[in-house]
Amino acid sequence: MTDVPNFQHVFVPSTVYQQLPKSPQKWVIDKIIPVGGLVNIFGKPKTGKSFLALGMAQAIVNGEPDWEGYPIHTHGSVAYLQIDTPREEWSDRIGRLSLTPMDGRELWIADMWQVPQFPFDILDPQQTGVRWLKDQLAAINPALTIIDTLREAHGADENDSTAMRNVLAYLVAACRPSAIVLLSHARKDTIMTASGDDDMMDQNRGSSYIPGRMDVIIKLTQKRMMFKGRATGLTTNAIEQDIRTGLIHIVPSTDDEHFLAALRGVVRDLGLTASQRAITDELARRLHISQSTAYRKLKAQTHAK
């Protein structure tokens, strides 16, 4: 990139704007987490929101080529501010992950005992919380910051749009340039349906300003993950939870023609006597997906027969 002045606090012509410094990637996780963007994962209690976020964090930190079949374009460290679950339970969840950090990447954790004040309040008049968070993240330089949960990150009226605008503004200021994933609960007075996108904006707890400000909204139920973004339509995936790790996995489609074509090619080249491990490794290599994703897709095809 040629040297371009870092124009701040001014309007610039479009030709100059196109040359301003920017990330070479648009996505952390393709279609799900934009680079520097805001994402909200919401759902009823005990639907696995934290486990969903942990699975994404693990894949980003480990340098996996994908998360559940969605390509990962930006790897790096992940910061997880967890102020909703006791340390004893949270430590057990972290212990069940398969983290293999490399190249300086790490999953960084802070819980309710590590924040400078509890209850944590990003709107604290002395700005203790926002300064602490900004300083911590500046030292980590994460690709992604996860706030679990949004309700526990402030003391404002969550139904007040002005208050929530301030909450999000302070969080963005503290986390910039990291992408941010906010975990929150669904409204108690609604039924979490699994069809249509008309409820993506009105089932989230609190002010409608929150979903309106997001780049991507992810709704989680016991059986499905639905997401919709500014640049993507509604996508629905069936999900299942791993009994051992608790992580959320997308149920592979059994009519994925791209995968089936690759599978036929691998079996042809390796032979019918090839082991499942060998087939899985070769599928992962050819499709540029993780071995775990390749294994789940292969297993789904085997069970479908």
C-alpha atoms as a PDB file:
ATOM      1  CA  MET A   1       0.000   0.000   0.000  1.00  0.00           C
ATOM      2  CA  THR A   2       1.321   3.418  -0.866  1.00  0.00           C
ATOM      3  CA  ASP A   3       1.761   5.946   1.896  1.00  0.00           C
ATOM      4  CA  VAL A   4      -1.553   7.655   2.489  1.00  0.00           C
ATOM      5  CA  PRO A   5      -2.007  10.412   5.073  1.00  0.00           C
ATOM      6  CA  ASN A   6      -4.147   9.250   7.986  1.00  0.00           C
ATOM      7  CA  PHE A   7      -6.937  11.774   7.520  1.00  0.00           C
ATOM      8  CA  GLN A   8      -8.703  12.191  10.856  1.00  0.00           C
ATOM      9  CA  HIS A   9     -11.622  14.430  11.778  1.00  0.00           C
ATOM     10  CA  VAL A  10     -12.163  15.478   8.157  1.00  0.00           C
ATOM     11  CA  PHE A  11     -14.228  14.476   5.141  1.00  0.00           C
ATOM     12  CA  VAL A  12     -12.149  13.125   2.246  1.00  0.00           C
ATOM     13  CA  PRO A  13     -12.893  12.500  -1.451  1.00  0.00           C
ATOM     14  CA  SER A  14     -13.967   8.962  -2.311  1.00  0.00           C
ATOM     15  CA  THR A  15     -10.768   8.352  -4.280  1.00  0.00           C
ATOM     16  CA  VAL A  16      -8.716   9.143  -1.161  1.00  0.00           C
ATOM     17  CA  TYR A  17     -11.068   7.217   1.100  1.00  0.00           C
ATOM     18  CA  GLN A  18     -10.456   4.038  -0.885  1.00  0.00           C
ATOM     19  CA  GLN A  19      -6.751   4.325  -0.095  1.00  0.00           C
ATOM     20  CA  LEU A  20      -7.065   4.836   3.662  1.00  0.00           C
ATOM     21  CA  PRO A  21      -5.498   2.104   5.864  1.00  0.00           C
ATOM     22  CA  LYS A  22      -7.778  -0.880   6.428  1.00  0.00           C
ATOM     23  CA  SER A  23      -7.595  -4.548   7.257  1.00  0.00           C
ATOM     24  CA  PRO A  24      -6.908  -6.817   4.279  1.00  0.00           C
ATOM     25  CA  GLN A  25      -9.781  -9.032   5.468  1.00  0.00           C
ATOM     26  CA  LYS A  26     -13.475  -8.226   5.885  1.00  0.00           C
ATOM     27  CA  TRP A  27     -14.211 -11.140   8.196  1.00  0.00           C
ATOM     28  CA  VAL A  28     -12.852 -12.863  11.275  1.00  0.00           C
ATOM     29  CA  ILE A  29     -15.272 -15.743  10.658  1.00  0.00           C
ATOM     30  CA  ASP A  30     -16.851 -15.603   7.218  1.00  0.00           C
ATOM     31  CA  LYS A  31     -20.413 -14.191   7.254  1.00  0.00           C
ATOM     32  CA  ILE A  32     -20.551 -14.388  11.083  1.00  0.00           C
ATOM     33  CA  ILE A  33     -17.983 -12.022  12.660  1.00  0.00           C
ATOM     34  CA  PRO A  34     -16.818  -8.984  10.647  1.00  0.00           C
ATOM     35  CA  VAL A  35     -13.366  -7.547  11.323  1.00  0.00           C
ATOM     36  CA  GLY A  36     -13.869  -4.780  13.881  1.00  0.00           C
ATOM     37  CA  GLY A  37     -17.622  -5.440  13.840  1.00  0.00           C
ATOM     38  CA  LEU A  38     -20.339  -5.886  16.445  1.00  0.00           C
ATOM     39  CA  VAL A  39     -22.109  -9.237  16.874  1.00  0.00           C
ATOM     40  CA  ASN A  40     -24.868 -10.193  19.281  1.00  0.00           C
ATOM     41  CA  ILE A  41     -25.549 -13.800  20.304  1.00  0.00           C
ATOM     42  CA  PHE A  42     -28.860 -14.075  22.135  1.00  0.00           C
ATOM     43  CA  GLY A  43     -31.193 -16.783  23.316  1.00  0.00           C
ATOM     44  CA  LYS A  44     -33.001 -18.229  26.279  1.00  0.00           C
ATOM     45  CA  PRO A  45     -30.949 -19.333  29.329  1.00  0.00           C
ATOM     46  CA  LYS A  46     -29.132 -22.681  29.004  1.00  0.00           C
ATOM     47  CA  THR A  47     -29.199 -22.745  25.189  1.00  0.00           C
ATOM     48  CA  GLY A  48     -25.392 -22.783  24.974  1.00  0.00           C
ATOM     49  CA  LYS A  49     -24.543 -19.159  24.127  1.00  0.00           C
ATOM     50  CA  SER A  50     -21.270 -19.230  26.062  1.00  0.00           C
ATOM     51  CA  PHE A  51     -20.311 -22.592  24.570  1.00  0.00           C
ATOM     52  CA  LEU A  52     -21.022 -21.223  21.082  1.00  0.00           C
ATOM     53  CA  ALA A  53     -18.724 -18.264  21.742  1.00  0.00           C
ATOM     54  CA  LEU A  54     -16.038 -20.500  23.254  1.00  0.00           C
ATOM     55  CA  GLY A  55     -16.040 -22.728  20.178  1.00  0.00           C
ATOM     56  CA  MET A  56     -15.484 -19.716  17.939  1.00  0.00           C
ATOM     57  CA  ALA A  57     -12.721 -18.447  20.233  1.00  0.00           C
ATOM     58  CA  GLN A  58     -10.993 -21.842  20.252  1.00  0.00           C
ATOM     59  CA  ALA A  59     -10.959 -22.049  16.446  1.00  0.00           C
ATOM     60  CA  ILE A  60      -9.616 -18.493  16.057  1.00  0.00           C
ATOM     61  CA  VAL A  61      -6.860 -19.020  18.640  1.00  0.00           C
ATOM     62  CA  ASN A  62      -5.885 -22.462  17.347  1.00  0.00           C
ATOM     63  CA  GLY A  63      -5.458 -21.191  13.799  1.00  0.00           C
ATOM     64  CA  GLU A  64      -8.122 -23.531  12.418  1.00  0.00           C
ATOM     65  CA  PRO A  65      -9.046 -22.977   8.748  1.00  0.00           C
ATOM     66  CA  ASP A  66     -12.737 -22.847   9.647  1.00  0.00           C
ATOM     67  CA  TRP A  67     -15.307 -22.813  12.412  1.00  0.00           C
ATOM     68  CA  GLU A  68     -18.031 -25.373  11.723  1.00  0.00           C
ATOM     69  CA  GLY A  69     -17.500 -25.040   7.982  1.00  0.00           C
ATOM     70  CA  TYR A  70     -17.350 -21.223   7.926  1.00  0.00           C
ATOM     71  CA  PRO A  71     -13.852 -20.083   6.854  1.00  0.00           C
ATOM     72  CA  ILE A  72     -11.756 -18.185   9.386  1.00  0.00           C
ATOM     73  CA  HIS A  73      -9.946 -15.324   7.665  1.00  0.00           C
ATOM     74  CA  THR A  74      -8.410 -13.629  10.718  1.00  0.00           C
ATOM     75  CA  HIS A  75      -6.601 -15.573  13.421  1.00  0.00           C
ATOM     76  CA  GLY A  76      -5.266 -14.090  16.623  1.00  0.00           C
ATOM     77  CA  SER A  77      -5.785 -13.848  20.341  1.00  0.00           C
ATOM     78  CA  VAL A  78      -9.266 -13.700  21.855  1.00  0.00           C
ATOM     79  CA  ALA A  79     -10.190 -11.808  25.038  1.00  0.00           C
ATOM     80  CA  TYR A  80     -13.142 -13.203  26.994  1.00  0.00           C
ATOM     81  CA  LEU A  81     -14.694 -11.022  29.726  1.00  0.00           C
ATOM     82  CA  GLN A  82     -16.870 -13.453  31.675  1.00  0.00           C
ATOM     83  CA  ILE A  83     -18.832 -11.776  34.471  1.00  0.00           C
ATOM     84  CA  ASP A  84     -21.921 -13.986  34.541  1.00  0.00           C
ATOM     85  CA  THR A  85     -20.704 -17.394  35.775  1.00  0.00           C
ATOM     86  CA  PRO A  86     -18.807 -18.409  38.942  1.00  0.00           C
ATOM     87  CA  ARG A  87     -15.100 -19.090  38.445  1.00  0.00           C
ATOM     88  CA  GLU A  88     -15.434 -22.723  39.539  1.00  0.00           C
ATOM     89  CA  GLU A  89     -17.852 -23.573  36.742  1.00  0.00           C
ATOM     90  CA  TRP A  90     -16.113 -21.400  34.169  1.00  0.00           C
ATOM     91  CA  SER A  91     -12.720 -22.942  34.894  1.00  0.00           C
ATOM     92  CA  ASP A  92     -14.233 -26.373  34.272  1.00  0.00           C
ATOM     93  CA  ARG A  93     -15.550 -25.222  30.882  1.00  0.00           C
ATOM     94  CA  ILE A  94     -12.175 -23.800  29.858  1.00  0.00           C
ATOM     95  CA  GLY A  95     -10.479 -27.010  30.951  1.00  0.00           C
ATOM     96  CA  ARG A  96     -12.577 -28.999  28.480  1.00  0.00           C
ATOM     97  CA  LEU A  97     -11.389 -26.993  25.485  1.00  0.00           C
ATOM     98  CA  SER A  98      -8.670 -28.223  23.136  1.00  0.00           C
ATOM     99  CA  LEU A  99      -6.544 -25.101  22.989  1.00  0.00           C
ATOM    100  CA  THR A 100      -3.257 -25.234  21.070  1.00  0.00           C
ATOM    101  CA  PRO A 101      -2.133 -21.574  20.989  1.00  0.00           C
ATOM    102  CA  MET A 102       0.730 -20.739  18.611  1.00  0.00           C
ATOM    103  CA  ASP A 103       2.490 -17.681  17.208  1.00  0.00           C
ATOM    104  CA  GLY A 104       1.587 -15.568  20.222  1.00  0.00           C
ATOM    105  CA  ARG A 105      -2.136 -16.336  19.994  1.00  0.00           C
ATOM    106  CA  GLU A 106      -3.889 -16.991  23.298  1.00  0.00           C
ATOM    107  CA  LEU A 107      -7.326 -17.121  24.887  1.00  0.00           C
ATOM    108  CA  TRP A 108      -7.273 -14.458  27.599  1.00  0.00           C
ATOM    109  CA  ILE A 109      -9.843 -14.673  30.411  1.00  0.00           C
ATOM    110  CA  ALA A 110     -11.092 -12.187  32.994  1.00  0.00           C
ATOM    111  CA  ASP A 111     -13.934 -13.029  35.379  1.00  0.00           C
ATOM    112  CA  MET A 112     -15.898 -11.200  38.051  1.00  0.00           C
ATOM    113  CA  TRP A 113     -12.994 -11.478  40.490  1.00  0.00           C
ATOM    114  CA  GLN A 114     -10.515  -9.868  38.111  1.00  0.00           C
ATOM    115  CA  VAL A 115     -12.406  -6.733  37.090  1.00  0.00           C
ATOM    116  CA  PRO A 116     -11.487  -3.554  38.992  1.00  0.00           C
ATOM    117  CA  GLN A 117     -14.978  -3.302  40.474  1.00  0.00           C
ATOM    118  CA  PHE A 118     -17.955  -5.603  40.747  1.00  0.00           C
ATOM    119  CA  PRO A 119     -20.659  -5.233  39.682  1.00  0.00           C
ATOM    120  CA  PHE A 120     -18.788  -4.145  36.574  1.00  0.00           C
ATOM    121  CA  ASP A 121     -20.129  -0.956  34.982  1.00  0.00           C
ATOM    122  CA  ILE A 122     -18.762   0.333  31.689  1.00  0.00           C
ATOM    123  CA  LEU A 123     -20.649   3.592  32.413  1.00  0.00           C
ATOM    124  CA  ASP A 124     -19.005   4.196  35.798  1.00  0.00           C
ATOM    125  CA  PRO A 125     -18.694   8.015  36.166  1.00  0.00           C
ATOM    126  CA  GLN A 126     -15.000   7.680  37.073  1.00  0.00           C
ATOM    127  CA  GLN A 127     -14.547   5.550  33.924  1.00  0.00           C
ATOM    128  CA  THR A 128     -12.736   2.910  35.959  1.00  0.00           C
ATOM    129  CA  GLY A 129     -14.239   0.074  33.938  1.00  0.00           C
ATOM    130  CA  VAL A 130     -13.739   1.499  30.469  1.00  0.00           C
ATOM    131  CA  ARG A 131     -10.146   2.549  31.204  1.00  0.00           C
ATOM    132  CA  TRP A 132      -9.296  -0.842  32.670  1.00  0.00           C
ATOM    133  CA  LEU A 133     -10.820  -2.686  29.712  1.00  0.00           C
ATOM    134  CA  LYS A 134      -9.107  -0.430  27.174  1.00  0.00           C
ATOM    135  CA  ASP A 135      -5.693  -0.841  28.830  1.00  0.00           C
ATOM    136  CA  GLN A 136      -6.048  -4.617  29.127  1.00  0.00           C
ATOM    137  CA  LEU A 137      -7.071  -5.068  25.504  1.00  0.00           C
ATOM    138  CA  ALA A 138      -4.357  -2.719  24.242  1.00  0.00           C
ATOM    139  CA  ALA A 139      -1.793  -5.081  25.787  1.00  0.00           C
ATOM    140  CA  ILE A 140      -3.456  -8.184  24.296  1.00  0.00           C
ATOM    141  CA  ASN A 141      -4.416  -6.788  20.871  1.00  0.00           C
ATOM    142  CA  PRO A 142      -7.126  -9.414  20.313  1.00  0.00           C
ATOM    143  CA  ALA A 143      -8.806 -10.163  17.014  1.00  0.00           C
ATOM    144  CA  LEU A 144     -12.009 -10.732  18.985  1.00  0.00           C
ATOM    145  CA  THR A 145     -13.365  -9.623  22.362  1.00  0.00           C
ATOM    146  CA  ILE A 146     -16.312 -11.477  23.914  1.00  0.00           C
ATOM    147  CA  ILE A 147     -18.498  -9.822  26.579  1.00  0.00           C
ATOM    148  CA  ASP A 148     -20.501 -12.377  28.584  1.00  0.00           C
ATOM    149  CA  THR A 149     -23.056 -11.017  29.291  1.00  0.00           C
ATOM    150  CA  LEU A 150     -24.029  -7.548  28.089  1.00  0.00           C
ATOM    151  CA  ARG A 151     -26.469  -7.155  31.004  1.00  0.00           C
ATOM    152  CA  GLU A 152     -23.630  -7.638  33.525  1.00  0.00           C
ATOM    153  CA  ALA A 153     -21.379  -5.073  31.819  1.00  0.00           C
ATOM    154  CA  HIS A 154     -23.399  -2.019  32.834  1.00  0.00           C
ATOM    155  CA  GLY A 155     -25.847  -0.706  35.424  1.00  0.00           C
ATOM    156  CA  ALA A 156     -28.106   1.254  33.081  1.00  0.00           C
ATOM    157  CA  ASP A 157     -31.733   0.673  32.139  1.00  0.00           C
ATOM    158  CA  GLU A 158     -31.450  -1.860  29.319  1.00  0.00           C
ATOM    159  CA  ASN A 159     -34.774  -0.671  27.855  1.00  0.00           C
ATOM    160  CA  ASP A 160     -33.525   2.912  27.472  1.00  0.00           C
ATOM    161  CA  SER A 161     -32.175   3.422  23.951  1.00  0.00           C
ATOM    162  CA  THR A 162     -30.055   6.433  24.961  1.00  0.00           C
ATOM    163  CA  ALA A 163     -28.459   4.502  27.812  1.00  0.00           C
ATOM    164  CA  MET A 164     -27.765   1.495  25.596  1.00  0.00           C
ATOM    165  CA  ARG A 165     -26.293   3.732  22.913  1.00  0.00           C
ATOM    166  CA  ASN A 166     -23.828   4.963  25.536  1.00  0.00           C
ATOM    167  CA  VAL A 167     -23.069   1.432  26.732  1.00  0.00           C
ATOM    168  CA  LEU A 168     -22.223   0.260  23.221  1.00  0.00           C
ATOM    169  CA  ALA A 169     -20.247   3.431  22.469  1.00  0.00           C
ATOM    170  CA  TYR A 170     -18.075   2.885  25.563  1.00  0.00           C
ATOM    171  CA  LEU A 171     -17.570  -0.789  24.774  1.00  0.00           C
ATOM    172  CA  VAL A 172     -16.559  -0.042  21.196  1.00  0.00           C
ATOM    173  CA  ALA A 173     -14.181   2.701  22.376  1.00  0.00           C
ATOM    174  CA  ALA A 174     -12.550   0.320  24.857  1.00  0.00           C
ATOM    175  CA  CYS A 175     -12.309  -2.666  22.489  1.00  0.00           C
ATOM    176  CA  ARG A 176     -11.368  -0.948  19.223  1.00  0.00           C
ATOM    177  CA  PRO A 177     -10.047  -2.225  16.806  1.00  0.00           C
ATOM    178  CA  SER A 178     -11.124  -5.695  17.989  1.00  0.00           C
ATOM    179  CA  ALA A 179     -14.338  -7.278  16.776  1.00  0.00           C
ATOM    180  CA  ILE A 180     -16.857  -7.618  19.618  1.00  0.00           C
ATOM    181  CA  VAL A 181     -19.297 -10.427  20.402  1.00  0.00           C
ATOM    182  CA  LEU A 182     -21.948  -9.554  22.985  1.00  0.00           C
ATOM    183  CA  LEU A 183     -23.919 -12.322  24.691  1.00  0.00           C
ATOM    184  CA  SER A 184     -27.416 -11.502  25.897  1.00  0.00           C
ATOM    185  CA  HIS A 185     -30.728 -13.101  26.811  1.00  0.00           C
ATOM    186  CA  ALA A 186     -33.984 -13.198  24.892  1.00  0.00           C
ATOM    187  CA  ARG A 187     -37.067 -11.486  26.225  1.00  0.00           C
ATOM    188  CA  LYS A 188     -38.878 -13.508  28.865  1.00  0.00           C
ATOM    189  CA  ASP A 189     -42.281 -12.749  27.360  1.00  0.00           C
ATOM    190  CA  THR A 190     -41.610 -14.179  23.887  1.00  0.00           C
ATOM    191  CA  ILE A 191     -41.575 -17.603  22.317  1.00  0.00           C
ATOM    192  CA  MET A 192     -38.329 -18.477  20.544  1.00  0.00           C
ATOM    193  CA  THR A 193     -39.533 -19.737  17.188  1.00  0.00           C
ATOM    194  CA  ALA A 194     -37.247 -21.405  14.693  1.00  0.00           C
ATOM    195  CA  SER A 195     -38.653 -20.039  11.452  1.00  0.00           C
ATOM    196  CA  GLY A 196     -38.655 -16.668   9.746  1.00  0.00           C
ATOM    197  CA  ASP A 197     -36.558 -13.583  10.438  1.00  0.00           C
ATOM    198  CA  ASP A 198     -39.303 -11.291  11.675  1.00  0.00           C
ATOM    199  CA  ASP A 199     -38.352 -11.994  15.288  1.00  0.00           C
ATOM    200  CA  MET A 200     -34.590 -11.439  14.990  1.00  0.00           C
ATOM    201  CA  MET A 201     -35.010  -7.780  15.946  1.00  0.00           C
ATOM    202  CA  ASP A 202     -37.737  -7.951  18.568  1.00  0.00           C
ATOM    203  CA  GLN A 203     -36.915 -11.040  20.637  1.00  0.00           C
ATOM    204  CA  ASN A 204     -33.670  -9.635  22.023  1.00  0.00           C
ATOM    205  CA  ARG A 205     -33.898  -8.437  25.599  1.00  0.00           C
ATOM    206  CA  GLY A 206     -33.729  -4.678  26.123  1.00  0.00           C
ATOM    207  CA  SER A 207     -33.819  -1.701  23.798  1.00  0.00           C
ATOM    208  CA  SER A 208     -34.288  -2.233  20.074  1.00  0.00           C
ATOM    209  CA  TYR A 209     -31.214  -0.022  19.645  1.00  0.00           C
ATOM    210  CA  ILE A 210     -29.021  -3.042  20.427  1.00  0.00           C
ATOM    211  CA  PRO A 211     -29.981  -5.301  17.499  1.00  0.00           C
ATOM    212  CA  GLY A 212     -30.240  -2.260  15.235  1.00  0.00           C
ATOM    213  CA  ARG A 213     -26.604  -1.381  15.984  1.00  0.00           C
ATOM    214  CA  MET A 214     -25.260  -4.879  15.330  1.00  0.00           C
ATOM    215  CA  ASP A 215     -23.513  -5.975  12.149  1.00  0.00           C
ATOM    216  CA  VAL A 216     -24.648  -9.563  12.726  1.00  0.00           C
ATOM    217  CA  ILE A 217     -27.330 -11.011  15.013  1.00  0.00           C
ATOM    218  CA  ILE A 218     -27.214 -14.669  16.056  1.00  0.00           C
ATOM    219  CA  LYS A 219     -30.231 -16.293  17.640  1.00  0.00           C
ATOM    220  CA  LEU A 220     -29.691 -19.564  19.454  1.00  0.00           C
ATOM    221  CA  THR A 221     -32.304 -22.146  20.429  1.00  0.00           C
ATOM    222  CA  GLN A 222     -31.854 -25.679  21.712  1.00  0.00           C
ATOM    223  CA  LYS A 223     -31.872 -27.058  18.148  1.00  0.00           C
ATOM    224  CA  ARG A 224     -30.956 -24.212  15.787  1.00  0.00           C
ATOM    225  CA  MET A 225     -28.582 -21.330  15.214  1.00  0.00           C
ATOM    226  CA  MET A 226     -29.931 -18.535  13.028  1.00  0.00           C
ATOM    227  CA  PHE A 227     -27.949 -15.490  11.959  1.00  0.00           C
ATOM    228  CA  LYS A 228     -28.550 -12.445   9.843  1.00  0.00           C
ATOM    229  CA  GLY A 229     -26.174  -9.623   8.956  1.00  0.00           C
ATOM    230  CA  ARG A 230     -26.076  -6.342   7.110  1.00  0.00           C
ATOM    231  CA  ALA A 231     -24.566  -8.071   4.085  1.00  0.00           C
ATOM    232  CA  THR A 232     -26.153 -11.524   4.444  1.00  0.00           C
ATOM    233  CA  GLY A 233     -29.667 -12.892   4.484  1.00  0.00           C
ATOM    234  CA  LEU A 234     -31.110 -15.167   7.128  1.00  0.00           C
ATOM    235  CA  THR A 235     -29.177 -18.415   7.520  1.00  0.00           C
ATOM    236  CA  THR A 236     -30.456 -21.299   9.650  1.00  0.00           C
ATOM    237  CA  ASN A 237     -28.369 -24.252  10.821  1.00  0.00           C
ATOM    238  CA  ALA A 238     -29.393 -27.274  12.874  1.00  0.00           C
ATOM    239  CA  ILE A 239     -27.080 -27.674  15.877  1.00  0.00           C
ATOM    240  CA  GLU A 240     -26.118 -30.229  18.498  1.00  0.00           C
ATOM    241  CA  GLN A 241     -24.150 -29.929  21.726  1.00  0.00           C
ATOM    242  CA  ASP A 242     -21.105 -32.066  22.426  1.00  0.00           C
ATOM    243  CA  ILE A 243     -21.741 -34.012  25.624  1.00  0.00           C
ATOM    244  CA  ARG A 244     -18.057 -34.047  26.580  1.00  0.00           C
ATOM    245  CA  THR A 245     -17.000 -30.459  25.876  1.00  0.00           C
ATOM    246  CA  GLY A 246     -20.346 -28.663  25.809  1.00  0.00           C
ATOM    247  CA  LEU A 247     -19.370 -26.955  22.538  1.00  0.00           C
ATOM    248  CA  ILE A 248     -22.038 -26.266  19.938  1.00  0.00           C
ATOM    249  CA  HIS A 249     -21.634 -27.965  16.562  1.00  0.00           C
ATOM    250  CA  ILE A 250     -23.529 -27.384  13.346  1.00  0.00           C
ATOM    251  CA  VAL A 251     -25.177 -30.588  12.116  1.00  0.00           C
ATOM    252  CA  PRO A 252     -23.627 -31.311   8.695  1.00  0.00           C
ATOM    253  CA  SER A 253     -25.945 -31.429   5.691  1.00  0.00           C
ATOM    254  CA  THR A 254     -26.174 -34.812   4.006  1.00  0.00           C
ATOM    255  CA  ASP A 255     -26.823 -33.259   0.584  1.00  0.00           C
ATOM    256  CA  ASP A 256     -23.719 -31.066   0.400  1.00  0.00           C
ATOM    257  CA  GLU A 257     -22.758 -31.647  -3.235  1.00  0.00           C
ATOM    258  CA  HIS A 258     -19.381 -29.943  -2.873  1.00  0.00           C
ATOM    259  CA  PHE A 259     -18.420 -32.252  -0.007  1.00  0.00           C
ATOM    260  CA  LEU A 260     -19.840 -35.334  -1.733  1.00  0.00           C
ATOM    261  CA  ALA A 261     -17.806 -34.619  -4.862  1.00  0.00           C
ATOM    262  CA  ALA A 262     -14.642 -34.263  -2.784  1.00  0.00           C
ATOM    263  CA  LEU A 263     -15.455 -37.474  -0.893  1.00  0.00           C
ATOM    264  CA  ARG A 264     -15.894 -39.423  -4.119  1.00  0.00           C
ATOM    265  CA  GLY A 265     -12.553 -38.126  -5.354  1.00  0.00           C
ATOM    266  CA  VAL A 266     -10.760 -39.063  -2.129  1.00  0.00           C
ATOM    267  CA  VAL A 267     -12.199 -42.586  -2.082  1.00  0.00           C
ATOM    268  CA  ARG A 268     -11.263 -43.030  -5.726  1.00  0.00           C
ATOM    269  CA  ASP A 269      -7.691 -41.877  -5.120  1.00  0.00           C
ATOM    270  CA  LEU A 270      -7.060 -43.601  -1.773  1.00  0.00           C
ATOM    271  CA  GLY A 271      -9.040 -46.759  -2.440  1.00  0.00           C
ATOM    272  CA  LEU A 272     -11.959 -48.417  -0.658  1.00  0.00           C
ATOM    273  CA  THR A 273      -9.654 -49.885   1.994  1.00  0.00           C
ATOM    274  CA  ALA A 274      -8.410 -46.463   3.169  1.00  0.00           C
ATOM    275  CA  SER A 275      -8.922 -45.779   6.856  1.00  0.00           C
ATOM    276  CA  GLN A 276     -11.426 -43.237   8.110  1.00  0.00           C
ATOM    277  CA  ARG A 277      -8.528 -41.197   9.507  1.00  0.00           C
ATOM    278  CA  ALA A 278      -6.778 -41.098   6.130  1.00  0.00           C
ATOM    279  CA  ILE A 279      -9.986 -40.084   4.350  1.00  0.00           C
ATOM    280  CA  THR A 280     -10.668 -37.386   6.952  1.00  0.00           C
ATOM    281  CA  ASP A 281      -7.165 -35.947   6.671  1.00  0.00           C
ATOM    282  CA  GLU A 282      -7.336 -35.839   2.882  1.00  0.00           C
ATOM    283  CA  LEU A 283     -10.797 -34.229   2.895  1.00  0.00           C
ATOM    284  CA  ALA A 284      -9.550 -31.561   5.288  1.00  0.00           C
ATOM    285  CA  ARG A 285      -6.575 -30.867   3.028  1.00  0.00           C
ATOM    286  CA  ARG A 286      -8.552 -30.693  -0.205  1.00  0.00           C
ATOM    287  CA  LEU A 287     -11.444 -28.643   1.151  1.00  0.00           C
ATOM    288  CA  HIS A 288      -9.309 -26.366   3.368  1.00  0.00           C
ATOM    289  CA  ILE A 289     -11.372 -27.210   6.432  1.00  0.00           C
ATOM    290  CA  SER A 290     -10.397 -28.406   9.892  1.00  0.00           C
ATOM    291  CA  GLN A 291     -10.060 -32.119  10.589  1.00  0.00           C
ATOM    292  CA  SER A 292     -12.892 -31.905  13.122  1.00  0.00           C
ATOM    293  CA  THR A 293     -15.237 -30.397  10.519  1.00  0.00           C
ATOM    294  CA  ALA A 294     -14.188 -32.985   7.940  1.00  0.00           C
ATOM    295  CA  TYR A 295     -14.784 -35.786  10.455  1.00  0.00           C
ATOM    296  CA  ARG A 296     -18.283 -34.567  11.363  1.00  0.00           C
ATOM    297  CA  LYS A 297     -19.222 -34.202   7.694  1.00  0.00           C
ATOM    298  CA  LEU A 298     -17.881 -37.687   6.912  1.00  0.00           C
ATOM    299  CA  LYS A 299     -19.701 -39.151   9.910  1.00  0.00           C
ATOM    300  CA  ALA A 300     -22.972 -37.549   8.803  1.00  0.00           C
ATOM    301  CA  GLN A 301     -22.629 -39.094   5.345  1.00  0.00           C
ATOM    302  CA  THR A 302     -21.861 -42.515   6.838  1.00  0.00           C
ATOM    303  CA  HIS A 303     -24.941 -42.387   9.093  1.00  0.00           C
ATOM    304  CA  ALA A 304     -27.145 -41.228   6.211  1.00  0.00           C
ATOM    305  CA  LYS A 305     -26.486 -44.410   4.252  1.00  0.00           C
END
